[in-house]
């Protein structure tokens, strides 16, 4: 038996105002044995309602919706379903929007130029607990962090273990993978990450990863 077929499918909700995009994504994902599209929506209201009703593993969210933004939907979905993962898939590359999306709790931000295989892999990674940023977006997030707080090294207050953990999550490792690498439990990893976030004054992995990327660059 194929190991993938024995695993539960990743349940995906699509929220986009374009019927063409929804149909295209549904068709693309339908052929993937590890994914299952459980619903679609075209508005913030319908997306939030579907998220509450279906409890999907991953929500693909567009930024521009007729009754609000994907950022509004992201906040509301995560408020009612905190275990759901949210992946923004949009054509919008704007510093303020990217910053708002990350602060709203989005676990990934991809541009619609991504190819089908890249999107499928991103959904799997986000469902597994990783944070995903399009390369073009990563550069902008780093710049946002840089402009927000130049001067003191923000990593200076981290312990050696915290630096190790930050380096691992910045390169896409899940809490389980971090624990296995360092020989500690997932709960301990979560506690360390909470402390790291407090010291860096951030609330999301993507923000912490951006700080690490900036400070780890050769000068």
N, C-alpha and C. Protein backbone atom coordinates (compact mmCIF):
# COMPACT_ATOMS: atom_id res chain seq x y z
N UNK A 1 0.85 -1.20 0.00
CA UNK A 1 0.00 0.00 0.00
C UNK A 1 0.87 1.24 0.00
N UNK A 2 0.48 2.22 -0.79
CA UNK A 2 1.20 3.49 -0.81
C UNK A 2 1.02 4.19 0.53
N UNK A 3 2.12 4.57 1.24
CA UNK A 3 1.98 5.22 2.55
C UNK A 3 1.14 6.47 2.49
N UNK A 4 1.22 7.22 1.36
CA UNK A 4 0.45 8.46 1.26
C UNK A 4 -1.04 8.18 1.28
N UNK A 5 -1.44 7.03 0.64
CA UNK A 5 -2.87 6.74 0.56
C UNK A 5 -3.45 6.34 1.90
N UNK A 6 -2.56 5.92 2.85
CA UNK A 6 -3.03 5.51 4.16
C UNK A 6 -3.22 6.70 5.09
N UNK A 7 -2.63 7.84 4.74
CA UNK A 7 -2.74 9.02 5.58
C UNK A 7 -4.01 9.79 5.26
N UNK A 8 -4.60 10.44 6.26
CA UNK A 8 -5.79 11.26 6.00
C UNK A 8 -5.46 12.37 5.01
N UNK A 9 -6.38 12.64 4.12
CA UNK A 9 -6.17 13.72 3.17
C UNK A 9 -6.18 15.07 3.86
N UNK A 10 -5.41 16.01 3.33
CA UNK A 10 -5.42 17.38 3.83
C UNK A 10 -6.67 18.05 3.29
N UNK A 11 -7.52 18.53 4.17
CA UNK A 11 -8.80 19.11 3.79
C UNK A 11 -8.61 20.60 3.51
N UNK A 12 -8.95 21.02 2.29
CA UNK A 12 -8.65 22.38 1.84
C UNK A 12 -9.94 23.13 1.53
N UNK A 13 -10.01 24.38 1.99
CA UNK A 13 -11.10 25.29 1.65
C UNK A 13 -10.54 26.39 0.76
N UNK A 14 -11.21 26.67 -0.37
CA UNK A 14 -10.78 27.70 -1.30
C UNK A 14 -11.66 28.93 -1.17
N UNK A 15 -11.06 30.11 -0.98
CA UNK A 15 -11.81 31.36 -0.87
C UNK A 15 -11.22 32.35 -1.86
N UNK A 16 -11.95 32.59 -2.96
CA UNK A 16 -11.49 33.50 -4.01
C UNK A 16 -12.72 34.04 -4.72
N UNK A 17 -12.72 35.32 -5.08
CA UNK A 17 -13.91 35.90 -5.70
C UNK A 17 -14.06 35.52 -7.17
N UNK A 18 -13.03 34.92 -7.77
CA UNK A 18 -13.09 34.52 -9.17
C UNK A 18 -13.55 33.07 -9.30
N UNK A 19 -14.67 32.87 -9.99
CA UNK A 19 -15.16 31.50 -10.22
C UNK A 19 -14.14 30.71 -11.03
N UNK A 20 -13.50 31.38 -11.97
CA UNK A 20 -12.50 30.72 -12.80
C UNK A 20 -11.34 30.20 -11.95
N UNK A 21 -10.88 31.02 -11.01
CA UNK A 21 -9.78 30.61 -10.13
C UNK A 21 -10.22 29.45 -9.24
N UNK A 22 -11.42 29.56 -8.66
CA UNK A 22 -11.91 28.48 -7.79
C UNK A 22 -12.01 27.16 -8.54
N UNK A 23 -12.56 27.24 -9.76
CA UNK A 23 -12.70 26.03 -10.56
C UNK A 23 -11.33 25.46 -10.94
N UNK A 24 -10.43 26.34 -11.34
CA UNK A 24 -9.10 25.90 -11.72
C UNK A 24 -8.35 25.24 -10.57
N UNK A 25 -8.43 25.87 -9.38
CA UNK A 25 -7.75 25.30 -8.22
C UNK A 25 -8.39 23.98 -7.81
N UNK A 26 -9.72 23.91 -7.85
CA UNK A 26 -10.41 22.68 -7.50
C UNK A 26 -9.99 21.54 -8.41
N UNK A 27 -9.89 21.84 -9.71
CA UNK A 27 -9.48 20.83 -10.68
C UNK A 27 -8.04 20.39 -10.45
N UNK A 28 -7.18 21.37 -10.19
CA UNK A 28 -5.76 21.07 -9.94
C UNK A 28 -5.58 20.19 -8.71
N UNK A 29 -6.26 20.55 -7.63
CA UNK A 29 -6.06 19.83 -6.37
C UNK A 29 -6.79 18.50 -6.33
N UNK A 30 -7.82 18.34 -7.17
CA UNK A 30 -8.62 17.11 -7.16
C UNK A 30 -7.80 15.89 -7.57
N UNK A 31 -6.76 16.10 -8.35
CA UNK A 31 -5.97 14.96 -8.82
C UNK A 31 -4.88 14.57 -7.83
N UNK A 32 -4.74 15.34 -6.74
CA UNK A 32 -3.72 15.04 -5.74
C UNK A 32 -4.28 14.08 -4.70
N UNK A 33 -3.69 12.89 -4.56
CA UNK A 33 -4.24 11.89 -3.62
C UNK A 33 -4.15 12.28 -2.15
N UNK A 34 -3.28 13.26 -1.84
CA UNK A 34 -3.12 13.66 -0.44
C UNK A 34 -3.97 14.86 -0.06
N UNK A 35 -4.70 15.43 -1.06
CA UNK A 35 -5.49 16.64 -0.81
C UNK A 35 -6.95 16.39 -1.13
N UNK A 36 -7.82 17.13 -0.45
CA UNK A 36 -9.26 17.06 -0.72
C UNK A 36 -9.87 18.44 -0.55
N UNK A 37 -10.47 18.97 -1.62
CA UNK A 37 -11.15 20.27 -1.54
C UNK A 37 -12.52 20.03 -0.92
N UNK A 38 -12.74 20.56 0.28
CA UNK A 38 -13.98 20.29 1.00
C UNK A 38 -15.01 21.40 0.82
N UNK A 39 -14.59 22.53 0.23
CA UNK A 39 -15.54 23.62 0.02
C UNK A 39 -14.90 24.79 -0.69
N UNK A 40 -15.75 25.66 -1.23
CA UNK A 40 -15.28 26.88 -1.87
C UNK A 40 -16.17 28.03 -1.42
N UNK A 41 -15.64 29.24 -1.51
CA UNK A 41 -16.41 30.44 -1.16
C UNK A 41 -15.87 31.61 -1.95
N UNK A 42 -16.73 32.63 -2.14
CA UNK A 42 -16.36 33.78 -2.95
C UNK A 42 -16.31 35.08 -2.15
N UNK A 43 -16.69 35.05 -0.88
CA UNK A 43 -16.73 36.26 -0.06
C UNK A 43 -16.15 36.00 1.32
N UNK A 44 -15.87 37.07 2.04
CA UNK A 44 -15.41 36.93 3.42
C UNK A 44 -16.47 36.21 4.25
N UNK A 45 -17.72 36.65 4.15
CA UNK A 45 -18.79 36.07 4.96
C UNK A 45 -18.94 34.57 4.72
N UNK A 46 -18.97 34.19 3.45
CA UNK A 46 -19.12 32.77 3.13
C UNK A 46 -17.88 31.97 3.51
N UNK A 47 -16.71 32.58 3.34
CA UNK A 47 -15.48 31.90 3.70
C UNK A 47 -15.39 31.64 5.20
N UNK A 48 -15.76 32.64 6.00
CA UNK A 48 -15.73 32.48 7.45
C UNK A 48 -16.75 31.42 7.88
N UNK A 49 -17.94 31.48 7.30
CA UNK A 49 -18.98 30.49 7.63
C UNK A 49 -18.52 29.09 7.25
N UNK A 50 -17.91 28.94 6.08
CA UNK A 50 -17.43 27.63 5.65
C UNK A 50 -16.30 27.14 6.54
N UNK A 51 -15.43 28.06 6.96
CA UNK A 51 -14.35 27.68 7.86
C UNK A 51 -14.88 27.16 9.19
N UNK A 52 -15.90 27.81 9.70
CA UNK A 52 -16.50 27.40 10.97
C UNK A 52 -17.19 26.06 10.82
N UNK A 53 -17.88 25.87 9.69
CA UNK A 53 -18.66 24.65 9.48
C UNK A 53 -17.78 23.45 9.13
N UNK A 54 -16.79 23.67 8.29
CA UNK A 54 -16.02 22.55 7.73
C UNK A 54 -14.75 22.24 8.52
N UNK A 55 -14.23 23.21 9.28
CA UNK A 55 -12.98 23.03 10.01
C UNK A 55 -11.87 22.44 9.12
N UNK A 56 -11.55 23.11 8.02
CA UNK A 56 -10.53 22.58 7.09
C UNK A 56 -9.14 22.61 7.73
N UNK A 57 -8.25 21.83 7.17
CA UNK A 57 -6.85 21.85 7.63
C UNK A 57 -6.15 23.10 7.10
N UNK A 58 -6.44 23.46 5.85
CA UNK A 58 -5.80 24.61 5.21
C UNK A 58 -6.84 25.41 4.45
N UNK A 59 -6.78 26.74 4.58
CA UNK A 59 -7.63 27.63 3.79
C UNK A 59 -6.74 28.39 2.83
N UNK A 60 -7.07 28.34 1.53
CA UNK A 60 -6.40 29.18 0.55
C UNK A 60 -7.23 30.45 0.39
N UNK A 61 -6.63 31.58 0.69
CA UNK A 61 -7.37 32.84 0.75
C UNK A 61 -6.80 33.87 -0.23
N UNK A 62 -7.69 34.48 -1.00
CA UNK A 62 -7.29 35.63 -1.81
C UNK A 62 -7.35 36.88 -0.92
N UNK A 63 -6.60 37.90 -1.27
CA UNK A 63 -6.63 39.15 -0.51
C UNK A 63 -7.86 39.97 -0.84
N UNK A 64 -8.18 40.09 -2.12
CA UNK A 64 -9.28 40.96 -2.55
C UNK A 64 -10.57 40.17 -2.66
N UNK A 65 -11.52 40.50 -1.80
CA UNK A 65 -12.83 39.86 -1.81
C UNK A 65 -13.90 40.96 -1.84
N UNK A 66 -15.08 40.67 -2.36
CA UNK A 66 -16.06 41.74 -2.59
C UNK A 66 -16.60 42.40 -1.32
N UNK A 67 -16.60 41.69 -0.21
CA UNK A 67 -17.16 42.25 1.03
C UNK A 67 -16.11 42.50 2.10
N UNK A 68 -14.85 42.58 1.71
CA UNK A 68 -13.79 42.80 2.67
C UNK A 68 -12.47 42.32 2.10
N UNK A 69 -11.58 41.87 2.97
CA UNK A 69 -10.28 41.37 2.51
C UNK A 69 -10.04 39.98 3.07
N UNK A 70 -9.09 39.29 2.44
CA UNK A 70 -8.69 37.99 2.96
C UNK A 70 -8.09 38.11 4.34
N UNK A 71 -7.54 39.27 4.65
CA UNK A 71 -6.97 39.49 5.99
C UNK A 71 -8.09 39.48 7.03
N UNK A 72 -9.23 40.11 6.71
CA UNK A 72 -10.39 40.05 7.61
C UNK A 72 -10.83 38.61 7.80
N UNK A 73 -10.91 37.87 6.70
CA UNK A 73 -11.34 36.47 6.76
C UNK A 73 -10.35 35.64 7.57
N UNK A 74 -9.05 35.90 7.39
CA UNK A 74 -8.01 35.17 8.12
C UNK A 74 -8.20 35.32 9.62
N UNK A 75 -8.36 36.55 10.08
CA UNK A 75 -8.54 36.80 11.51
C UNK A 75 -9.75 36.05 12.06
N UNK A 76 -10.87 36.15 11.33
CA UNK A 76 -12.11 35.55 11.81
C UNK A 76 -12.05 34.03 11.79
N UNK A 77 -11.46 33.46 10.75
CA UNK A 77 -11.36 32.00 10.66
C UNK A 77 -10.48 31.46 11.78
N UNK A 78 -9.34 32.10 12.02
CA UNK A 78 -8.43 31.62 13.06
C UNK A 78 -9.00 31.83 14.46
N UNK A 79 -9.86 32.85 14.60
CA UNK A 79 -10.49 33.08 15.89
C UNK A 79 -11.43 31.93 16.25
N UNK A 80 -12.16 31.42 15.25
CA UNK A 80 -13.12 30.35 15.51
C UNK A 80 -12.51 28.97 15.33
N UNK A 81 -11.44 28.87 14.53
CA UNK A 81 -10.80 27.57 14.27
C UNK A 81 -9.28 27.73 14.35
N UNK A 82 -8.73 27.83 15.56
CA UNK A 82 -7.31 28.12 15.71
C UNK A 82 -6.37 27.05 15.16
N UNK A 83 -6.88 25.83 14.96
CA UNK A 83 -6.03 24.76 14.42
C UNK A 83 -5.94 24.80 12.90
N UNK A 84 -6.79 25.61 12.27
CA UNK A 84 -6.75 25.74 10.81
C UNK A 84 -5.53 26.54 10.40
N UNK A 85 -4.94 26.17 9.27
CA UNK A 85 -3.79 26.91 8.73
C UNK A 85 -4.26 27.74 7.55
N UNK A 86 -3.76 28.95 7.44
CA UNK A 86 -4.20 29.88 6.39
C UNK A 86 -3.04 30.21 5.46
N UNK A 87 -3.28 30.02 4.16
CA UNK A 87 -2.28 30.31 3.14
C UNK A 87 -2.86 31.34 2.17
N UNK A 88 -2.26 32.53 2.16
CA UNK A 88 -2.68 33.57 1.24
C UNK A 88 -2.13 33.26 -0.15
N UNK A 89 -2.99 33.27 -1.15
CA UNK A 89 -2.56 33.08 -2.54
C UNK A 89 -3.14 34.25 -3.33
N UNK A 90 -2.29 35.17 -3.74
CA UNK A 90 -2.77 36.45 -4.25
C UNK A 90 -1.82 37.03 -5.28
N UNK A 91 -2.28 38.05 -5.98
CA UNK A 91 -1.42 38.78 -6.91
C UNK A 91 -0.91 40.07 -6.28
N UNK A 92 -1.30 40.32 -5.04
CA UNK A 92 -0.96 41.58 -4.36
C UNK A 92 0.41 41.48 -3.69
N UNK A 93 1.33 42.35 -4.09
CA UNK A 93 2.64 42.46 -3.43
C UNK A 93 2.77 43.88 -2.91
N UNK A 94 2.36 44.07 -1.68
CA UNK A 94 2.35 45.40 -1.06
C UNK A 94 2.83 45.25 0.37
N UNK A 95 3.79 46.09 0.76
CA UNK A 95 4.39 45.96 2.08
C UNK A 95 3.36 45.96 3.20
N UNK A 96 2.43 46.90 3.16
CA UNK A 96 1.43 47.02 4.22
C UNK A 96 0.53 45.80 4.26
N UNK A 97 0.14 45.31 3.09
CA UNK A 97 -0.74 44.14 3.03
C UNK A 97 -0.01 42.89 3.55
N UNK A 98 1.25 42.72 3.15
CA UNK A 98 2.03 41.58 3.62
C UNK A 98 2.16 41.63 5.14
N UNK A 99 2.47 42.79 5.67
CA UNK A 99 2.61 42.96 7.11
C UNK A 99 1.30 42.65 7.82
N UNK A 100 0.19 43.17 7.29
CA UNK A 100 -1.12 42.91 7.90
C UNK A 100 -1.47 41.43 7.86
N UNK A 101 -1.14 40.77 6.76
CA UNK A 101 -1.46 39.34 6.62
C UNK A 101 -0.71 38.51 7.66
N UNK A 102 0.57 38.81 7.84
CA UNK A 102 1.38 38.08 8.81
C UNK A 102 0.86 38.33 10.22
N UNK A 103 0.54 39.59 10.51
CA UNK A 103 0.04 39.92 11.85
C UNK A 103 -1.35 39.35 12.09
N UNK A 104 -2.10 39.11 11.03
CA UNK A 104 -3.43 38.51 11.17
C UNK A 104 -3.34 37.01 11.45
N UNK A 105 -2.15 36.44 11.27
CA UNK A 105 -1.96 35.04 11.58
C UNK A 105 -1.75 34.13 10.40
N UNK A 106 -1.65 34.69 9.18
CA UNK A 106 -1.45 33.86 8.01
C UNK A 106 -0.17 33.03 8.14
N UNK A 107 -0.25 31.78 7.74
CA UNK A 107 0.89 30.88 7.86
C UNK A 107 1.71 30.81 6.57
N UNK A 108 1.23 31.48 5.54
CA UNK A 108 1.96 31.51 4.29
C UNK A 108 1.43 32.61 3.39
N UNK A 109 2.25 33.05 2.45
CA UNK A 109 1.87 34.13 1.54
C UNK A 109 2.53 33.82 0.20
N UNK A 110 1.73 33.43 -0.78
CA UNK A 110 2.24 33.07 -2.10
C UNK A 110 1.62 33.95 -3.17
N UNK A 111 2.36 34.16 -4.24
CA UNK A 111 1.84 34.89 -5.38
C UNK A 111 1.20 33.92 -6.36
N UNK A 112 0.18 34.38 -7.08
CA UNK A 112 -0.55 33.51 -7.99
C UNK A 112 0.27 33.05 -9.18
N UNK A 113 1.46 33.60 -9.34
CA UNK A 113 2.34 33.15 -10.41
C UNK A 113 2.93 31.77 -10.12
N UNK A 114 2.77 31.26 -8.90
CA UNK A 114 3.33 29.96 -8.53
C UNK A 114 2.75 28.86 -9.41
N UNK A 115 3.56 27.85 -9.72
CA UNK A 115 3.05 26.76 -10.54
C UNK A 115 2.29 25.75 -9.68
N UNK A 116 1.59 24.84 -10.34
CA UNK A 116 0.73 23.90 -9.64
C UNK A 116 1.47 23.05 -8.63
N UNK A 117 2.62 22.50 -9.02
CA UNK A 117 3.39 21.65 -8.10
C UNK A 117 3.86 22.44 -6.90
N UNK A 118 4.28 23.69 -7.13
CA UNK A 118 4.72 24.52 -6.03
C UNK A 118 3.60 24.79 -5.04
N UNK A 119 2.38 25.01 -5.56
CA UNK A 119 1.24 25.26 -4.69
C UNK A 119 0.90 24.02 -3.87
N UNK A 120 0.88 22.87 -4.51
CA UNK A 120 0.58 21.62 -3.79
C UNK A 120 1.60 21.40 -2.68
N UNK A 121 2.87 21.59 -2.98
CA UNK A 121 3.91 21.43 -1.97
C UNK A 121 3.75 22.43 -0.84
N UNK A 122 3.36 23.66 -1.17
CA UNK A 122 3.16 24.69 -0.15
C UNK A 122 2.00 24.31 0.77
N UNK A 123 0.91 23.78 0.21
CA UNK A 123 -0.22 23.35 1.03
C UNK A 123 0.22 22.26 1.99
N UNK A 124 0.97 21.30 1.49
CA UNK A 124 1.46 20.22 2.35
C UNK A 124 2.35 20.74 3.46
N UNK A 125 3.25 21.68 3.09
CA UNK A 125 4.18 22.23 4.09
C UNK A 125 3.43 23.01 5.16
N UNK A 126 2.46 23.83 4.75
CA UNK A 126 1.70 24.61 5.71
C UNK A 126 0.88 23.69 6.61
N UNK A 127 0.28 22.65 6.04
CA UNK A 127 -0.49 21.70 6.84
C UNK A 127 0.40 20.98 7.85
N UNK A 128 1.68 20.80 7.51
CA UNK A 128 2.62 20.12 8.40
C UNK A 128 3.18 21.03 9.48
N UNK A 129 2.80 22.31 9.45
CA UNK A 129 3.23 23.23 10.49
C UNK A 129 4.31 24.21 10.08
N UNK A 130 4.69 24.18 8.81
CA UNK A 130 5.71 25.12 8.35
C UNK A 130 5.07 26.44 7.94
N UNK A 131 5.89 27.48 7.89
CA UNK A 131 5.46 28.79 7.38
C UNK A 131 6.10 28.99 6.01
N UNK A 132 5.30 29.45 5.04
CA UNK A 132 5.77 29.56 3.67
C UNK A 132 5.62 31.00 3.19
N UNK A 133 6.70 31.54 2.63
CA UNK A 133 6.65 32.86 2.02
C UNK A 133 7.24 32.78 0.61
N UNK A 134 6.57 33.41 -0.34
CA UNK A 134 7.11 33.53 -1.68
C UNK A 134 8.44 34.27 -1.59
N UNK A 135 9.44 33.86 -2.38
CA UNK A 135 10.75 34.54 -2.32
C UNK A 135 10.66 36.05 -2.43
N UNK A 136 9.80 36.56 -3.32
CA UNK A 136 9.66 38.01 -3.47
C UNK A 136 9.09 38.63 -2.20
N UNK A 137 8.22 37.89 -1.53
CA UNK A 137 7.61 38.39 -0.29
C UNK A 137 8.62 38.34 0.85
N UNK A 138 9.45 37.30 0.88
CA UNK A 138 10.45 37.18 1.94
C UNK A 138 11.35 38.40 1.98
N UNK A 139 11.78 38.84 0.81
CA UNK A 139 12.65 40.02 0.75
C UNK A 139 11.95 41.24 1.33
N UNK A 140 10.66 41.38 1.06
CA UNK A 140 9.92 42.53 1.58
C UNK A 140 9.72 42.44 3.09
N UNK A 141 9.48 41.21 3.59
CA UNK A 141 9.32 41.05 5.04
C UNK A 141 10.61 41.41 5.75
N UNK A 142 11.73 40.96 5.20
CA UNK A 142 13.02 41.30 5.80
C UNK A 142 13.21 42.82 5.83
N UNK A 143 12.83 43.49 4.75
CA UNK A 143 12.95 44.93 4.69
C UNK A 143 12.04 45.61 5.70
N UNK A 144 10.84 45.06 5.89
CA UNK A 144 9.91 45.62 6.89
C UNK A 144 10.50 45.53 8.28
N UNK A 145 11.06 44.37 8.59
CA UNK A 145 11.68 44.19 9.91
C UNK A 145 12.85 45.12 10.09
N UNK A 146 13.64 45.28 9.02
CA UNK A 146 14.81 46.15 9.08
C UNK A 146 14.41 47.60 9.35
N UNK A 147 13.36 48.04 8.67
CA UNK A 147 12.94 49.43 8.83
C UNK A 147 12.25 49.66 10.17
N UNK A 148 11.76 48.58 10.78
CA UNK A 148 11.03 48.73 12.04
C UNK A 148 11.94 48.87 13.24
N UNK A 149 13.16 48.36 13.15
CA UNK A 149 13.98 48.40 14.35
C UNK A 149 15.46 48.30 14.12
N UNK A 150 16.10 49.25 13.49
CA UNK A 150 17.54 49.20 13.30
C UNK A 150 18.27 49.45 14.61
N UNK A 151 19.54 49.04 14.64
CA UNK A 151 20.33 49.33 15.83
C UNK A 151 20.72 48.06 16.55
N UNK A 152 20.21 47.88 17.74
CA UNK A 152 20.59 46.76 18.60
C UNK A 152 20.31 45.42 17.92
N UNK A 153 21.22 44.45 18.14
CA UNK A 153 21.04 43.10 17.63
C UNK A 153 19.87 42.45 18.37
N UNK A 154 18.75 42.17 17.68
CA UNK A 154 17.59 41.62 18.37
C UNK A 154 17.80 40.19 18.86
N UNK A 155 18.84 39.52 18.34
CA UNK A 155 19.10 38.14 18.77
C UNK A 155 20.00 38.07 19.99
N UNK A 156 20.49 39.22 20.43
CA UNK A 156 21.48 39.24 21.52
C UNK A 156 20.93 38.64 22.81
N UNK A 157 19.62 38.77 23.03
CA UNK A 157 19.04 38.27 24.27
C UNK A 157 18.67 36.80 24.25
N UNK A 158 18.90 36.13 23.14
CA UNK A 158 18.53 34.72 23.04
C UNK A 158 19.63 33.82 23.61
N UNK A 159 19.23 32.73 24.23
CA UNK A 159 20.20 31.73 24.70
C UNK A 159 20.69 30.93 23.49
N UNK A 160 21.79 30.18 23.64
CA UNK A 160 22.26 29.34 22.52
C UNK A 160 21.18 28.37 22.02
N UNK A 161 20.43 27.79 22.94
CA UNK A 161 19.37 26.86 22.53
C UNK A 161 18.28 27.59 21.75
N UNK A 162 17.91 28.77 22.23
CA UNK A 162 16.89 29.56 21.53
C UNK A 162 17.35 29.95 20.14
N UNK A 163 18.63 30.27 20.00
CA UNK A 163 19.16 30.60 18.68
C UNK A 163 19.09 29.39 17.75
N UNK A 164 19.41 28.19 18.30
CA UNK A 164 19.32 26.98 17.49
C UNK A 164 17.89 26.75 17.01
N UNK A 165 16.96 26.90 17.94
CA UNK A 165 15.55 26.68 17.60
C UNK A 165 15.08 27.69 16.58
N UNK A 166 15.45 28.95 16.76
CA UNK A 166 15.05 29.99 15.82
C UNK A 166 15.61 29.69 14.43
N UNK A 167 16.87 29.26 14.38
CA UNK A 167 17.46 28.92 13.09
C UNK A 167 16.72 27.78 12.40
N UNK A 168 16.26 26.81 13.16
CA UNK A 168 15.55 25.67 12.59
C UNK A 168 14.15 26.07 12.10
N UNK A 169 13.43 26.85 12.90
CA UNK A 169 12.08 27.22 12.44
C UNK A 169 12.16 28.22 11.29
N UNK A 170 13.25 29.00 11.25
CA UNK A 170 13.42 29.95 10.15
C UNK A 170 13.67 29.24 8.82
N UNK A 171 14.17 28.01 8.89
CA UNK A 171 14.41 27.23 7.67
C UNK A 171 13.29 26.23 7.41
N UNK A 172 12.15 26.44 8.07
CA UNK A 172 10.96 25.68 7.74
C UNK A 172 10.71 24.43 8.54
N UNK A 173 11.47 24.17 9.61
CA UNK A 173 11.26 22.97 10.41
C UNK A 173 10.01 23.10 11.28
N UNK A 174 9.28 22.03 11.43
CA UNK A 174 8.13 22.00 12.33
C UNK A 174 8.62 21.83 13.76
N UNK A 175 7.72 22.02 14.72
CA UNK A 175 8.09 21.83 16.12
C UNK A 175 8.58 20.40 16.37
N UNK A 176 7.90 19.44 15.73
CA UNK A 176 8.31 18.04 15.91
C UNK A 176 9.72 17.81 15.38
N UNK A 177 10.01 18.38 14.22
CA UNK A 177 11.34 18.22 13.63
C UNK A 177 12.41 18.91 14.47
N UNK A 178 12.07 20.07 15.02
CA UNK A 178 13.02 20.77 15.90
C UNK A 178 13.31 19.91 17.12
N UNK A 179 12.25 19.34 17.72
CA UNK A 179 12.43 18.49 18.89
C UNK A 179 13.29 17.28 18.59
N UNK A 180 13.05 16.66 17.44
CA UNK A 180 13.84 15.47 17.06
C UNK A 180 15.30 15.83 16.84
N UNK A 181 15.54 16.99 16.23
CA UNK A 181 16.92 17.42 15.96
C UNK A 181 17.69 17.71 17.25
N UNK A 182 16.99 18.34 18.20
CA UNK A 182 17.66 18.76 19.44
C UNK A 182 17.48 17.78 20.59
N UNK A 183 16.67 16.75 20.37
CA UNK A 183 16.47 15.75 21.42
C UNK A 183 15.62 16.25 22.57
N UNK A 184 14.62 17.10 22.27
CA UNK A 184 13.72 17.60 23.31
C UNK A 184 12.28 17.40 22.86
N UNK A 185 11.33 17.50 23.78
CA UNK A 185 9.93 17.27 23.46
C UNK A 185 9.29 18.45 22.76
N UNK A 186 8.17 18.17 22.07
CA UNK A 186 7.47 19.24 21.36
C UNK A 186 6.98 20.32 22.31
N UNK A 187 6.53 19.93 23.50
CA UNK A 187 6.06 20.93 24.46
C UNK A 187 7.19 21.87 24.86
N UNK A 188 8.37 21.30 25.05
CA UNK A 188 9.53 22.13 25.38
C UNK A 188 9.86 23.08 24.24
N UNK A 189 9.76 22.57 23.01
CA UNK A 189 10.00 23.41 21.84
C UNK A 189 9.01 24.57 21.81
N UNK A 190 7.72 24.26 22.04
CA UNK A 190 6.71 25.32 22.04
C UNK A 190 7.00 26.37 23.10
N UNK A 191 7.43 25.93 24.28
CA UNK A 191 7.76 26.88 25.35
C UNK A 191 8.92 27.78 24.94
N UNK A 192 9.93 27.18 24.32
CA UNK A 192 11.08 27.97 23.85
C UNK A 192 10.64 28.99 22.80
N UNK A 193 9.79 28.56 21.88
CA UNK A 193 9.34 29.45 20.82
C UNK A 193 8.55 30.62 21.40
N UNK A 194 7.71 30.35 22.41
CA UNK A 194 6.97 31.43 23.06
C UNK A 194 7.92 32.45 23.66
N UNK A 195 8.98 31.96 24.28
CA UNK A 195 9.98 32.85 24.88
C UNK A 195 10.71 33.65 23.80
N UNK A 196 11.05 32.98 22.71
CA UNK A 196 11.73 33.65 21.59
C UNK A 196 10.85 34.78 21.05
N UNK A 197 9.56 34.49 20.85
CA UNK A 197 8.65 35.51 20.34
C UNK A 197 8.58 36.71 21.28
N UNK A 198 8.54 36.44 22.58
CA UNK A 198 8.49 37.53 23.55
C UNK A 198 9.75 38.39 23.46
N UNK A 199 10.90 37.75 23.36
CA UNK A 199 12.16 38.49 23.31
C UNK A 199 12.30 39.29 22.03
N UNK A 200 11.76 38.76 20.93
CA UNK A 200 11.87 39.46 19.65
C UNK A 200 10.71 40.42 19.41
N UNK A 201 9.72 40.39 20.30
CA UNK A 201 8.54 41.25 20.18
C UNK A 201 7.77 40.96 18.88
N UNK A 202 7.59 39.67 18.60
CA UNK A 202 6.82 39.24 17.43
C UNK A 202 5.77 38.23 17.90
N UNK A 203 4.84 37.92 17.00
CA UNK A 203 3.80 36.95 17.34
C UNK A 203 3.71 35.81 16.33
N UNK A 204 4.47 35.88 15.25
CA UNK A 204 4.37 34.88 14.19
C UNK A 204 5.75 34.35 13.80
N UNK A 205 5.75 33.10 13.34
CA UNK A 205 7.00 32.47 12.91
C UNK A 205 7.64 33.23 11.75
N UNK A 206 6.81 33.72 10.84
CA UNK A 206 7.36 34.42 9.68
C UNK A 206 8.12 35.67 10.10
N UNK A 207 7.60 36.38 11.10
CA UNK A 207 8.29 37.59 11.59
C UNK A 207 9.61 37.21 12.23
N UNK A 208 9.60 36.15 13.05
CA UNK A 208 10.83 35.70 13.69
C UNK A 208 11.84 35.23 12.66
N UNK A 209 11.36 34.52 11.63
CA UNK A 209 12.24 34.03 10.57
C UNK A 209 12.88 35.19 9.81
N UNK A 210 12.12 36.25 9.59
CA UNK A 210 12.66 37.42 8.89
C UNK A 210 13.77 38.08 9.69
N UNK A 211 13.57 38.20 11.00
CA UNK A 211 14.61 38.77 11.85
C UNK A 211 15.87 37.91 11.81
N UNK A 212 15.68 36.60 11.91
CA UNK A 212 16.83 35.69 11.87
C UNK A 212 17.58 35.81 10.55
N UNK A 213 16.81 35.86 9.44
CA UNK A 213 17.43 35.96 8.12
C UNK A 213 18.25 37.24 8.00
N UNK A 214 17.69 38.33 8.52
CA UNK A 214 18.39 39.62 8.43
C UNK A 214 19.67 39.62 9.26
N UNK A 215 19.56 39.13 10.50
CA UNK A 215 20.70 39.21 11.42
C UNK A 215 21.77 38.17 11.11
N UNK A 216 21.40 37.11 10.38
CA UNK A 216 22.37 36.04 10.07
C UNK A 216 23.12 36.29 8.77
N UNK A 217 22.72 37.34 8.05
CA UNK A 217 23.41 37.65 6.80
C UNK A 217 24.83 38.11 7.07
N UNK A 218 25.78 37.70 6.22
CA UNK A 218 27.17 38.21 6.35
C UNK A 218 27.17 39.72 6.18
N UNK A 219 27.87 40.39 7.01
CA UNK A 219 27.92 41.85 6.95
C UNK A 219 28.94 42.30 5.90
